[in-house]
Amino acid sequence: MCQALGRTGWSLYLHYDQHERPVTALLEELTAAYPKQDFLKVQYDFTDETHLDRLTSQLFGVDAVVFAAGMTYYHLFQETTVGELSTLMKVHLLTPMVLLTKLQAKLAVSGRGRVVFIGSVYGAAGSAMEVAYSTVKGAQSAFAKAYAQEVASLASRSTWSRPGPLRPR
């Protein structure tokens, strides 16, 4: 996805939590291929929604956000711990929702702001051994649909753009 966006002219923030090495390699590859664009690494742990002000204050010129962070636990639901439920909810739902409250004004500036969630078929169909994951992906899908309706209604008030294709800056 980053390579496709870079190819079409986008400058990108490349997010990672613990796996910096592949992001550094991708950043170097994109910088070499598209020297007139900006590619910046951003480290953030999506299980910690409390420091988002510090993160978002460092971001500028945000026209789109792609939520692709994800993880799961594979076992019977009865073996699922409260800690695992909390982590899944933070990574897939809570932190992205809080992040969008802090980025909405920046996304609205260009009139082309876009938000993309990488979902899962399990969010609609469910999956044995991944009941909690299926649940948070279903909630993520419901949030994305409701949020899209809300920001579309803001277009008439000139604080958000009408839906349309992603375009490079």
N, C-alpha and C. Protein backbone atom coordinates (compact mmCIF):
# COMPACT_ATOMS: atom_id res chain seq x y z
N MET A 1 0.82 -1.18 0.00
CA MET A 1 0.00 0.00 0.00
C MET A 1 0.88 1.26 0.00
N CYS A 2 1.92 1.26 0.81
CA CYS A 2 2.81 2.42 0.85
C CYS A 2 3.50 2.64 -0.49
N GLN A 3 3.91 1.56 -1.12
CA GLN A 3 4.56 1.69 -2.42
C GLN A 3 3.59 2.24 -3.46
N ALA A 4 2.36 1.79 -3.44
CA ALA A 4 1.35 2.30 -4.38
C ALA A 4 1.07 3.77 -4.13
N LEU A 5 0.94 4.16 -2.89
CA LEU A 5 0.69 5.57 -2.58
C LEU A 5 1.90 6.44 -2.94
N GLY A 6 3.10 5.96 -2.65
CA GLY A 6 4.31 6.69 -3.03
C GLY A 6 4.40 6.87 -4.53
N ARG A 7 4.07 5.82 -5.27
CA ARG A 7 4.11 5.86 -6.74
C ARG A 7 3.16 6.92 -7.30
N THR A 8 2.05 7.17 -6.60
CA THR A 8 1.08 8.16 -7.09
C THR A 8 1.29 9.54 -6.51
N GLY A 9 2.41 9.75 -5.80
CA GLY A 9 2.77 11.10 -5.38
C GLY A 9 2.54 11.46 -3.93
N TRP A 10 2.11 10.52 -3.12
CA TRP A 10 1.85 10.82 -1.71
C TRP A 10 3.14 10.86 -0.90
N SER A 11 3.23 11.79 0.02
CA SER A 11 4.22 11.77 1.09
C SER A 11 3.58 10.99 2.23
N LEU A 12 4.39 10.23 2.99
CA LEU A 12 3.80 9.32 3.96
C LEU A 12 4.49 9.35 5.31
N TYR A 13 3.68 9.19 6.35
CA TYR A 13 4.17 8.82 7.67
C TYR A 13 4.07 7.30 7.74
N LEU A 14 5.16 6.65 8.07
CA LEU A 14 5.20 5.19 8.14
C LEU A 14 5.21 4.78 9.60
N HIS A 15 4.10 4.23 10.06
CA HIS A 15 3.95 3.88 11.47
C HIS A 15 4.48 2.48 11.77
N TYR A 16 5.07 2.36 12.93
CA TYR A 16 5.45 1.06 13.46
C TYR A 16 5.38 1.13 14.98
N ASP A 17 5.34 -0.03 15.60
CA ASP A 17 5.44 -0.08 17.06
C ASP A 17 6.77 -0.72 17.43
N GLN A 18 6.88 -2.02 17.23
CA GLN A 18 8.09 -2.74 17.65
C GLN A 18 9.00 -3.12 16.49
N HIS A 19 8.53 -3.06 15.28
CA HIS A 19 9.28 -3.59 14.14
C HIS A 19 9.83 -2.45 13.28
N GLU A 20 10.81 -1.77 13.80
CA GLU A 20 11.38 -0.61 13.12
C GLU A 20 12.16 -0.99 11.87
N ARG A 21 12.86 -2.10 11.88
CA ARG A 21 13.75 -2.46 10.77
C ARG A 21 13.04 -2.51 9.41
N PRO A 22 11.89 -3.20 9.27
CA PRO A 22 11.25 -3.22 7.95
C PRO A 22 10.72 -1.85 7.53
N VAL A 23 10.32 -1.04 8.50
CA VAL A 23 9.85 0.30 8.17
C VAL A 23 11.02 1.18 7.71
N THR A 24 12.16 1.03 8.34
CA THR A 24 13.35 1.77 7.92
C THR A 24 13.75 1.37 6.49
N ALA A 25 13.70 0.08 6.20
CA ALA A 25 14.03 -0.38 4.84
C ALA A 25 13.03 0.18 3.83
N LEU A 26 11.76 0.18 4.16
CA LEU A 26 10.74 0.73 3.26
C LEU A 26 10.95 2.23 3.07
N LEU A 27 11.25 2.94 4.14
CA LEU A 27 11.50 4.38 4.06
C LEU A 27 12.67 4.66 3.12
N GLU A 28 13.74 3.90 3.25
CA GLU A 28 14.91 4.09 2.38
C GLU A 28 14.56 3.81 0.92
N GLU A 29 13.78 2.76 0.70
CA GLU A 29 13.36 2.40 -0.66
C GLU A 29 12.50 3.51 -1.27
N LEU A 30 11.53 3.99 -0.52
CA LEU A 30 10.64 5.04 -1.02
C LEU A 30 11.39 6.36 -1.24
N THR A 31 12.29 6.70 -0.34
CA THR A 31 13.06 7.93 -0.47
C THR A 31 13.94 7.90 -1.72
N ALA A 32 14.53 6.75 -2.00
CA ALA A 32 15.36 6.62 -3.20
C ALA A 32 14.50 6.70 -4.47
N ALA A 33 13.34 6.09 -4.44
CA ALA A 33 12.48 6.06 -5.63
C ALA A 33 11.77 7.38 -5.87
N TYR A 34 11.44 8.12 -4.80
CA TYR A 34 10.64 9.34 -4.92
C TYR A 34 11.28 10.46 -4.09
N PRO A 35 12.43 10.97 -4.53
CA PRO A 35 13.19 11.93 -3.73
C PRO A 35 12.50 13.28 -3.49
N LYS A 36 11.46 13.60 -4.24
CA LYS A 36 10.77 14.88 -4.05
C LYS A 36 9.62 14.77 -3.05
N GLN A 37 9.40 13.58 -2.50
CA GLN A 37 8.35 13.37 -1.52
C GLN A 37 8.98 13.14 -0.14
N ASP A 38 8.17 13.32 0.88
CA ASP A 38 8.64 13.12 2.25
C ASP A 38 8.13 11.79 2.79
N PHE A 39 9.03 11.05 3.45
CA PHE A 39 8.69 9.78 4.09
C PHE A 39 9.30 9.80 5.48
N LEU A 40 8.45 9.74 6.48
CA LEU A 40 8.89 9.86 7.87
C LEU A 40 8.41 8.67 8.69
N LYS A 41 9.29 8.17 9.56
CA LYS A 41 8.90 7.09 10.47
C LYS A 41 8.21 7.69 11.69
N VAL A 42 7.20 6.97 12.18
CA VAL A 42 6.48 7.36 13.39
C VAL A 42 6.33 6.12 14.26
N GLN A 43 6.93 6.13 15.44
CA GLN A 43 6.79 5.00 16.36
C GLN A 43 5.66 5.31 17.32
N TYR A 44 4.75 4.34 17.49
CA TYR A 44 3.67 4.52 18.46
C TYR A 44 3.08 3.16 18.82
N ASP A 45 2.83 2.96 20.08
CA ASP A 45 2.22 1.73 20.60
C ASP A 45 0.71 1.95 20.68
N PHE A 46 -0.05 1.28 19.83
CA PHE A 46 -1.50 1.46 19.77
C PHE A 46 -2.22 0.91 21.01
N THR A 47 -1.50 0.23 21.90
CA THR A 47 -2.14 -0.19 23.14
C THR A 47 -2.13 0.93 24.17
N ASP A 48 -1.49 2.05 23.85
CA ASP A 48 -1.40 3.19 24.77
C ASP A 48 -2.03 4.41 24.10
N GLU A 49 -3.31 4.61 24.37
CA GLU A 49 -4.03 5.73 23.76
C GLU A 49 -3.81 7.05 24.50
N THR A 50 -3.01 7.05 25.57
CA THR A 50 -2.89 8.23 26.43
C THR A 50 -1.91 9.28 25.92
N HIS A 51 -1.06 8.95 24.96
CA HIS A 51 -0.06 9.91 24.49
C HIS A 51 -0.32 10.39 23.06
N LEU A 52 -1.55 10.33 22.63
CA LEU A 52 -1.87 10.70 21.25
C LEU A 52 -1.70 12.19 20.98
N ASP A 53 -1.86 13.04 21.99
CA ASP A 53 -1.64 14.48 21.78
C ASP A 53 -0.20 14.73 21.34
N ARG A 54 0.73 14.06 21.97
CA ARG A 54 2.15 14.23 21.60
C ARG A 54 2.38 13.74 20.17
N LEU A 55 1.79 12.62 19.81
CA LEU A 55 1.93 12.09 18.46
C LEU A 55 1.32 13.03 17.43
N THR A 56 0.08 13.43 17.62
CA THR A 56 -0.61 14.22 16.60
C THR A 56 -0.04 15.63 16.47
N SER A 57 0.55 16.15 17.52
CA SER A 57 1.15 17.49 17.42
C SER A 57 2.35 17.49 16.47
N GLN A 58 2.93 16.32 16.23
CA GLN A 58 4.08 16.21 15.33
C GLN A 58 3.69 15.98 13.88
N LEU A 59 2.42 15.72 13.63
CA LEU A 59 1.95 15.43 12.28
C LEU A 59 1.45 16.71 11.61
N PHE A 60 1.77 16.89 10.35
CA PHE A 60 1.32 18.06 9.61
C PHE A 60 0.89 17.61 8.22
N GLY A 61 0.05 18.37 7.57
CA GLY A 61 -0.36 18.06 6.21
C GLY A 61 -1.00 16.69 6.06
N VAL A 62 -1.87 16.32 6.98
CA VAL A 62 -2.49 14.99 6.94
C VAL A 62 -3.72 15.02 6.04
N ASP A 63 -3.67 14.28 4.95
CA ASP A 63 -4.81 14.18 4.02
C ASP A 63 -5.51 12.83 4.11
N ALA A 64 -4.84 11.83 4.67
CA ALA A 64 -5.45 10.50 4.77
C ALA A 64 -4.79 9.72 5.90
N VAL A 65 -5.56 8.83 6.46
CA VAL A 65 -5.05 7.92 7.49
C VAL A 65 -5.49 6.51 7.08
N VAL A 66 -4.54 5.59 7.05
CA VAL A 66 -4.84 4.19 6.77
C VAL A 66 -4.54 3.41 8.05
N PHE A 67 -5.57 2.84 8.64
CA PHE A 67 -5.39 2.03 9.84
C PHE A 67 -5.18 0.58 9.42
N ALA A 68 -3.94 0.12 9.52
CA ALA A 68 -3.60 -1.24 9.13
C ALA A 68 -3.00 -2.02 10.29
N ALA A 69 -2.82 -1.38 11.43
CA ALA A 69 -2.27 -2.08 12.60
C ALA A 69 -3.25 -3.14 13.05
N GLY A 70 -2.74 -4.28 13.43
CA GLY A 70 -3.64 -5.32 13.89
C GLY A 70 -2.91 -6.47 14.51
N MET A 71 -3.66 -7.26 15.26
CA MET A 71 -3.12 -8.45 15.90
C MET A 71 -4.28 -9.28 16.41
N THR A 72 -4.00 -10.52 16.76
CA THR A 72 -5.04 -11.40 17.26
C THR A 72 -4.45 -12.39 18.26
N TYR A 73 -5.33 -13.06 18.97
CA TYR A 73 -4.97 -14.20 19.82
C TYR A 73 -5.77 -15.37 19.30
N TYR A 74 -5.13 -16.49 19.09
CA TYR A 74 -5.79 -17.64 18.49
C TYR A 74 -5.96 -18.73 19.54
N HIS A 75 -7.15 -18.80 20.13
CA HIS A 75 -7.50 -19.86 21.08
C HIS A 75 -8.99 -19.78 21.37
N LEU A 76 -9.48 -20.71 22.16
CA LEU A 76 -10.90 -20.71 22.53
C LEU A 76 -11.25 -19.43 23.29
N PHE A 77 -12.45 -18.94 23.10
CA PHE A 77 -12.87 -17.72 23.76
C PHE A 77 -12.80 -17.85 25.28
N GLN A 78 -13.13 -19.01 25.81
CA GLN A 78 -13.12 -19.19 27.26
C GLN A 78 -11.71 -19.05 27.84
N GLU A 79 -10.69 -19.11 27.00
CA GLU A 79 -9.31 -18.94 27.45
C GLU A 79 -8.85 -17.48 27.32
N THR A 80 -9.68 -16.64 26.78
CA THR A 80 -9.33 -15.24 26.55
C THR A 80 -9.30 -14.48 27.88
N THR A 81 -8.24 -13.71 28.08
CA THR A 81 -8.11 -12.94 29.32
C THR A 81 -8.63 -11.52 29.13
N VAL A 82 -8.88 -10.86 30.23
CA VAL A 82 -9.29 -9.46 30.19
C VAL A 82 -8.20 -8.61 29.54
N GLY A 83 -6.95 -8.92 29.82
CA GLY A 83 -5.84 -8.20 29.21
C GLY A 83 -5.83 -8.33 27.70
N GLU A 84 -6.10 -9.54 27.20
CA GLU A 84 -6.16 -9.74 25.76
C GLU A 84 -7.32 -8.97 25.15
N LEU A 85 -8.48 -9.01 25.80
CA LEU A 85 -9.64 -8.24 25.31
C LEU A 85 -9.31 -6.76 25.26
N SER A 86 -8.69 -6.26 26.30
CA SER A 86 -8.33 -4.84 26.37
C SER A 86 -7.35 -4.47 25.25
N THR A 87 -6.35 -5.29 25.04
CA THR A 87 -5.37 -5.02 23.98
C THR A 87 -6.02 -5.01 22.61
N LEU A 88 -6.86 -6.00 22.33
CA LEU A 88 -7.54 -6.05 21.04
C LEU A 88 -8.42 -4.81 20.84
N MET A 89 -9.14 -4.42 21.86
CA MET A 89 -10.01 -3.24 21.74
C MET A 89 -9.21 -1.97 21.54
N LYS A 90 -8.08 -1.84 22.22
CA LYS A 90 -7.25 -0.64 22.06
C LYS A 90 -6.65 -0.57 20.66
N VAL A 91 -6.05 -1.66 20.19
CA VAL A 91 -5.35 -1.66 18.90
C VAL A 91 -6.31 -1.45 17.73
N HIS A 92 -7.45 -2.14 17.75
CA HIS A 92 -8.36 -2.12 16.61
C HIS A 92 -9.44 -1.05 16.69
N LEU A 93 -9.75 -0.56 17.88
CA LEU A 93 -10.92 0.31 18.01
C LEU A 93 -10.65 1.59 18.79
N LEU A 94 -10.29 1.48 20.05
CA LEU A 94 -10.19 2.66 20.90
C LEU A 94 -9.13 3.66 20.41
N THR A 95 -7.92 3.22 20.20
CA THR A 95 -6.86 4.14 19.78
C THR A 95 -7.16 4.76 18.42
N PRO A 96 -7.59 3.99 17.40
CA PRO A 96 -7.96 4.64 16.14
C PRO A 96 -9.08 5.67 16.31
N MET A 97 -10.07 5.38 17.15
CA MET A 97 -11.16 6.33 17.36
C MET A 97 -10.64 7.61 18.01
N VAL A 98 -9.83 7.47 19.05
CA VAL A 98 -9.28 8.65 19.73
C VAL A 98 -8.36 9.42 18.78
N LEU A 99 -7.57 8.70 18.02
CA LEU A 99 -6.67 9.36 17.05
C LEU A 99 -7.46 10.19 16.05
N LEU A 100 -8.58 9.67 15.58
CA LEU A 100 -9.39 10.43 14.62
C LEU A 100 -10.00 11.69 15.25
N THR A 101 -10.35 11.65 16.53
CA THR A 101 -10.86 12.87 17.17
C THR A 101 -9.79 13.95 17.15
N LYS A 102 -8.54 13.54 17.23
CA LYS A 102 -7.43 14.51 17.27
C LYS A 102 -6.96 14.92 15.88
N LEU A 103 -7.24 14.10 14.86
CA LEU A 103 -6.79 14.40 13.49
C LEU A 103 -7.87 14.98 12.60
N GLN A 104 -9.12 14.97 13.03
CA GLN A 104 -10.20 15.38 12.14
C GLN A 104 -9.99 16.78 11.57
N ALA A 105 -9.59 17.72 12.38
CA ALA A 105 -9.37 19.09 11.87
C ALA A 105 -8.26 19.11 10.82
N LYS A 106 -7.19 18.35 11.03
CA LYS A 106 -6.09 18.30 10.06
C LYS A 106 -6.54 17.61 8.77
N LEU A 107 -7.35 16.58 8.89
CA LEU A 107 -7.87 15.89 7.71
C LEU A 107 -8.80 16.79 6.90
N ALA A 108 -9.47 17.72 7.54
CA ALA A 108 -10.45 18.58 6.86
C ALA A 108 -9.80 19.73 6.10
N VAL A 109 -8.56 20.08 6.43
CA VAL A 109 -7.92 21.28 5.87
C VAL A 109 -7.89 21.26 4.35
N SER A 110 -7.48 20.16 3.74
CA SER A 110 -7.31 20.11 2.29
C SER A 110 -8.63 19.96 1.55
N GLY A 111 -9.68 19.56 2.27
CA GLY A 111 -10.94 19.27 1.60
C GLY A 111 -10.95 17.90 0.93
N ARG A 112 -9.89 17.11 1.16
CA ARG A 112 -9.79 15.78 0.55
C ARG A 112 -9.50 14.70 1.59
N GLY A 113 -9.74 14.96 2.85
CA GLY A 113 -9.40 14.02 3.91
C GLY A 113 -10.06 12.67 3.73
N ARG A 114 -9.30 11.61 3.96
CA ARG A 114 -9.80 10.25 3.81
C ARG A 114 -9.34 9.40 4.99
N VAL A 115 -10.17 8.44 5.36
CA VAL A 115 -9.84 7.48 6.42
C VAL A 115 -10.13 6.09 5.87
N VAL A 116 -9.14 5.20 6.01
CA VAL A 116 -9.28 3.83 5.53
C VAL A 116 -8.97 2.89 6.69
N PHE A 117 -9.85 1.93 6.90
CA PHE A 117 -9.60 0.86 7.87
C PHE A 117 -9.38 -0.43 7.10
N ILE A 118 -8.32 -1.17 7.45
CA ILE A 118 -8.12 -2.50 6.90
C ILE A 118 -8.90 -3.43 7.81
N GLY A 119 -9.99 -3.95 7.29
CA GLY A 119 -10.89 -4.77 8.08
C GLY A 119 -10.58 -6.25 7.92
N SER A 120 -11.58 -7.05 8.22
CA SER A 120 -11.45 -8.50 8.12
C SER A 120 -12.82 -9.09 7.84
N VAL A 121 -12.85 -10.13 7.02
CA VAL A 121 -14.11 -10.82 6.80
C VAL A 121 -14.66 -11.37 8.10
N TYR A 122 -13.79 -11.62 9.07
CA TYR A 122 -14.23 -12.14 10.35
C TYR A 122 -15.06 -11.12 11.13
N GLY A 123 -14.94 -9.85 10.78
CA GLY A 123 -15.76 -8.83 11.43
C GLY A 123 -17.23 -9.00 11.13
N ALA A 124 -17.56 -9.60 10.00
CA ALA A 124 -18.96 -9.85 9.63
C ALA A 124 -19.33 -11.31 9.83
N ALA A 125 -18.42 -12.22 9.49
CA ALA A 125 -18.73 -13.64 9.52
C ALA A 125 -18.37 -14.32 10.84
N GLY A 126 -17.43 -13.75 11.58
CA GLY A 126 -16.96 -14.40 12.80
C GLY A 126 -15.99 -15.51 12.49
N SER A 127 -15.22 -15.89 13.50
CA SER A 127 -14.25 -16.97 13.34
C SER A 127 -14.09 -17.70 14.66
N ALA A 128 -14.26 -19.02 14.62
CA ALA A 128 -13.97 -19.82 15.79
C ALA A 128 -12.49 -19.65 16.13
N MET A 129 -12.16 -19.67 17.38
CA MET A 129 -10.80 -19.51 17.88
C MET A 129 -10.31 -18.06 17.82
N GLU A 130 -11.11 -17.19 17.23
CA GLU A 130 -10.78 -15.76 17.18
C GLU A 130 -12.05 -14.94 17.45
N VAL A 131 -12.78 -15.33 18.46
CA VAL A 131 -14.06 -14.69 18.78
C VAL A 131 -13.85 -13.22 19.16
N ALA A 132 -12.89 -12.94 20.01
CA ALA A 132 -12.65 -11.55 20.43
C ALA A 132 -12.18 -10.70 19.25
N TYR A 133 -11.28 -11.22 18.43
CA TYR A 133 -10.81 -10.51 17.24
C TYR A 133 -11.97 -10.22 16.30
N SER A 134 -12.80 -11.21 16.05
CA SER A 134 -13.97 -11.03 15.18
C SER A 134 -14.87 -9.93 15.72
N THR A 135 -15.03 -9.90 17.02
CA THR A 135 -15.89 -8.90 17.67
C THR A 135 -15.35 -7.49 17.47
N VAL A 136 -14.06 -7.28 17.71
CA VAL A 136 -13.52 -5.92 17.56
C VAL A 136 -13.47 -5.50 16.10
N LYS A 137 -13.25 -6.44 15.18
CA LYS A 137 -13.27 -6.08 13.76
C LYS A 137 -14.68 -5.72 13.31
N GLY A 138 -15.68 -6.40 13.85
CA GLY A 138 -17.07 -6.03 13.56
C GLY A 138 -17.39 -4.65 14.10
N ALA A 139 -16.93 -4.35 15.30
CA ALA A 139 -17.14 -3.02 15.88
C ALA A 139 -16.39 -1.96 15.07
N GLN A 140 -15.20 -2.28 14.61
CA GLN A 140 -14.43 -1.35 13.78
C GLN A 140 -15.18 -1.03 12.50
N SER A 141 -15.76 -2.03 11.88
CA SER A 141 -16.54 -1.83 10.66
C SER A 141 -17.75 -0.94 10.93
N ALA A 142 -18.46 -1.20 12.03
CA ALA A 142 -19.62 -0.38 12.39
C ALA A 142 -19.20 1.06 12.65
N PHE A 143 -18.07 1.25 13.33
CA PHE A 143 -17.56 2.60 13.57
C PHE A 143 -17.26 3.32 12.26
N ALA A 144 -16.55 2.64 11.36
CA ALA A 144 -16.17 3.27 10.08
C ALA A 144 -17.40 3.72 9.30
N LYS A 145 -18.43 2.90 9.28
CA LYS A 145 -19.66 3.26 8.56
C LYS A 145 -20.35 4.46 9.21
N ALA A 146 -20.46 4.45 10.52
CA ALA A 146 -21.12 5.55 11.22
C ALA A 146 -20.30 6.84 11.11
N TYR A 147 -18.98 6.73 11.24
CA TYR A 147 -18.12 7.91 11.15
C TYR A 147 -18.17 8.51 9.74
N ALA A 148 -18.22 7.66 8.73
CA ALA A 148 -18.33 8.15 7.35
C ALA A 148 -19.61 8.96 7.16
N GLN A 149 -20.70 8.50 7.73
CA GLN A 149 -21.96 9.25 7.64
C GLN A 149 -21.85 10.59 8.36
N GLU A 150 -21.22 10.58 9.52
CA GLU A 150 -21.10 11.82 10.29
C GLU A 150 -20.25 12.86 9.56
N VAL A 151 -19.08 12.47 9.08
CA VAL A 151 -18.22 13.46 8.42
C VAL A 151 -18.80 13.90 7.08
N ALA A 152 -19.55 13.01 6.42
CA ALA A 152 -20.21 13.41 5.17
C ALA A 152 -21.24 14.50 5.46
N SER A 153 -21.91 14.41 6.61
CA SER A 153 -22.91 15.43 6.96
C SER A 153 -22.25 16.76 7.28
N LEU A 154 -20.97 16.74 7.65
CA LEU A 154 -20.26 17.98 7.95
C LEU A 154 -19.85 18.74 6.69
N ALA A 155 -19.88 18.07 5.53
CA ALA A 155 -19.47 18.70 4.28
C ALA A 155 -20.27 19.96 3.99
N SER A 156 -21.53 19.93 4.32
CA SER A 156 -22.38 21.11 4.06
C SER A 156 -21.99 22.28 4.95
N ARG A 157 -21.23 22.00 6.01
CA ARG A 157 -20.78 23.06 6.91
C ARG A 157 -19.34 23.47 6.62
N SER A 158 -18.77 22.96 5.52
CA SER A 158 -17.42 23.31 5.06
C SER A 158 -16.32 22.90 6.03
N THR A 159 -16.54 21.89 6.85
CA THR A 159 -15.48 21.43 7.73
C THR A 159 -14.93 20.08 7.30
N TRP A 160 -15.48 19.54 6.22
CA TRP A 160 -15.04 18.24 5.73
C TRP A 160 -15.41 18.17 4.26
N SER A 161 -14.72 17.36 3.51
CA SER A 161 -15.03 17.26 2.08
C SER A 161 -16.04 16.15 1.81
N ARG A 162 -16.62 16.22 0.63
CA ARG A 162 -17.52 15.15 0.19
C ARG A 162 -16.68 13.94 -0.21
N PRO A 163 -17.24 12.73 -0.10
CA PRO A 163 -16.49 11.54 -0.48
C PRO A 163 -16.02 11.59 -1.93
N GLY A 164 -14.87 11.02 -2.18
CA GLY A 164 -14.30 10.95 -3.53
C GLY A 164 -13.02 10.17 -3.50
N PRO A 165 -12.35 10.04 -4.63
CA PRO A 165 -11.13 9.22 -4.69
C PRO A 165 -9.97 9.88 -3.98
N LEU A 166 -9.05 9.04 -3.50
CA LEU A 166 -7.81 9.56 -2.92
C LEU A 166 -6.99 10.21 -4.02
N ARG A 167 -6.42 11.33 -3.74
CA ARG A 167 -5.55 12.03 -4.70
C ARG A 167 -4.27 12.44 -4.02
N PRO A 168 -3.15 12.43 -4.73
CA PRO A 168 -1.89 12.86 -4.11
C PRO A 168 -1.92 14.34 -3.81
N ARG A 169 -1.12 14.73 -2.83
CA ARG A 169 -1.05 16.15 -2.46
C ARG A 169 -0.22 16.89 -3.46
